């Protein structure tokens, strides 16, 4: 398990993310979403895609950082941003709607570092 210095990092989210990890992969941070959570690992981002959700099922999406084509955040004012980050791959776009108290710019910067390295 990684050091949890940033993000929402609720024990429940960390435990759920660890279920999907492979050997030597670490959870670096977690963030609460309006529906569930997103986890940044040492190799990828994991999140629940609500567009596929039904009452009894949900889909966990795993995107390696190397497969992310672009990320976008909507600016809503002079120094204000929406709480949604859009992640685009060659085949799809995913909108992650973060909790209102999340520092979305911190998430954006963290994800930017991972896809630009």
Protein backbone atom coordinates (compact mmCIF):
# COMPACT_ATOMS: atom_id res chain seq x y z
CA UNK A 1 0.00 0.00 0.00
CA UNK A 2 1.26 3.50 -0.79
CA UNK A 3 1.60 6.57 1.36
CA UNK A 4 -1.67 8.45 1.52
CA UNK A 5 -0.74 12.11 1.61
CA UNK A 6 -3.38 13.50 -0.75
CA UNK A 7 -6.97 13.05 -1.76
CA UNK A 8 -10.06 11.82 0.01
CA UNK A 9 -8.36 8.55 1.10
CA UNK A 10 -11.24 6.98 2.93
CA UNK A 11 -10.34 3.54 4.24
CA UNK A 12 -13.34 2.09 2.39
CA UNK A 13 -12.14 3.43 -0.96
CA UNK A 14 -8.59 2.21 -0.43
CA UNK A 15 -9.85 -1.26 0.49
CA UNK A 16 -12.11 -1.38 -2.58
CA UNK A 17 -9.30 -0.24 -4.90
CA UNK A 18 -6.85 -2.79 -3.49
CA UNK A 19 -9.19 -5.56 -4.65
CA UNK A 20 -8.22 -4.71 -8.27
CA UNK A 21 -4.45 -4.31 -7.86
CA UNK A 22 -1.83 -6.62 -9.31
CA UNK A 23 1.49 -7.55 -7.69
CA UNK A 24 3.67 -4.53 -6.84
CA UNK A 25 0.98 -2.02 -7.78
CA UNK A 26 0.20 0.58 -5.11
CA UNK A 27 -2.72 2.88 -4.36
CA UNK A 28 -1.25 6.40 -4.34
CA UNK A 29 -4.40 8.41 -3.63
CA UNK A 30 -8.17 8.20 -3.71
CA UNK A 31 -10.82 10.83 -4.33
CA UNK A 32 -14.52 10.75 -3.59
CA UNK A 33 -16.80 11.04 -6.61
CA UNK A 34 -20.47 12.00 -6.54
CA UNK A 35 -21.32 8.33 -7.16
CA UNK A 36 -18.32 6.38 -5.84
CA UNK A 37 -14.56 7.00 -5.94
CA UNK A 38 -11.49 7.28 -8.15
CA UNK A 39 -8.13 5.77 -7.22
CA UNK A 40 -4.76 6.71 -8.64
CA UNK A 41 -2.36 3.78 -8.53
CA UNK A 42 1.27 3.49 -9.49
CA UNK A 43 0.20 2.39 -13.00
CA UNK A 44 -3.39 3.50 -13.73
CA UNK A 45 -6.56 5.22 -12.65
CA UNK A 46 -9.50 3.12 -11.41
CA UNK A 47 -13.05 4.45 -11.07
CA UNK A 48 -16.69 3.43 -11.21
CA UNK A 49 -18.30 4.50 -14.49
CA UNK A 50 -21.84 5.55 -13.64
CA UNK A 51 -23.00 5.48 -17.28
CA UNK A 52 -22.95 1.68 -17.07
CA UNK A 53 -24.51 1.44 -13.62
CA UNK A 54 -27.79 -0.24 -12.83
CA UNK A 55 -29.36 -0.85 -9.44
CA UNK A 56 -27.54 -4.15 -8.98
CA UNK A 57 -24.36 -3.67 -11.05
CA UNK A 58 -21.56 -1.20 -11.56
CA UNK A 59 -18.54 -1.16 -13.85
CA UNK A 60 -15.02 -0.51 -12.59
CA UNK A 61 -12.96 1.16 -15.30
CA UNK A 62 -9.18 0.84 -15.39
CA UNK A 63 -7.18 3.16 -17.63
CA UNK A 64 -3.37 2.97 -17.77
CA UNK A 65 -1.89 6.47 -17.66
CA UNK A 66 -0.15 5.80 -20.98
CA UNK A 67 -3.53 5.33 -22.71
CA UNK A 68 -4.98 8.68 -21.64
CA UNK A 69 -5.03 10.99 -24.67
CA UNK A 70 -6.21 14.16 -22.92
CA UNK A 71 -7.82 15.51 -19.79
CA UNK A 72 -10.07 18.54 -19.48
CA UNK A 73 -11.46 20.65 -16.68
CA UNK A 74 -14.15 23.30 -17.18
CA UNK A 75 -13.41 26.79 -15.94
CA UNK A 76 -16.56 28.35 -14.46
CA UNK A 77 -15.24 31.74 -13.43
CA UNK A 78 -12.11 33.87 -13.05
CA UNK A 79 -10.46 31.50 -10.55
CA UNK A 80 -13.22 28.88 -10.32
CA UNK A 81 -13.40 25.44 -11.85
CA UNK A 82 -16.18 22.89 -12.08
CA UNK A 83 -15.88 19.71 -10.05
CA UNK A 84 -15.73 17.55 -13.21
CA UNK A 85 -12.64 16.28 -15.00
CA UNK A 86 -13.07 14.64 -18.38
CA UNK A 87 -10.64 11.87 -19.37
CA UNK A 88 -10.35 10.93 -23.05
CA UNK A 89 -8.82 7.78 -24.49
CA UNK A 90 -8.74 6.74 -28.15
CA UNK A 91 -12.00 4.85 -27.71
CA UNK A 92 -14.02 6.73 -25.08
CA UNK A 93 -14.52 9.76 -22.84
CA UNK A 94 -15.25 9.55 -19.12
CA UNK A 95 -16.51 12.41 -16.95
CA UNK A 96 -15.49 12.13 -13.31
CA UNK A 97 -17.64 14.33 -11.08
CA UNK A 98 -15.78 14.89 -7.81
CA UNK A 99 -17.24 15.78 -4.43
CA UNK A 100 -17.72 19.53 -3.93
CA UNK A 101 -15.01 19.76 -1.25
CA UNK A 102 -12.35 18.14 -3.49
CA UNK A 103 -9.52 20.33 -4.74
CA UNK A 104 -10.14 19.51 -8.40
CA UNK A 105 -7.08 21.46 -9.55
CA UNK A 106 -4.92 19.24 -7.32
CA UNK A 107 -6.46 16.17 -8.99
CA UNK A 108 -5.94 17.73 -12.43
CA UNK A 109 -2.28 18.49 -11.69
CA UNK A 110 -1.66 15.01 -10.26
CA UNK A 111 -3.20 13.36 -13.32
CA UNK A 112 -1.33 15.72 -15.67
CA UNK A 113 2.00 14.69 -14.13
CA UNK A 114 1.18 11.02 -14.57
CA UNK A 115 0.20 11.27 -18.24
CA UNK A 116 3.07 13.59 -19.20
CA UNK A 117 5.85 11.43 -17.75
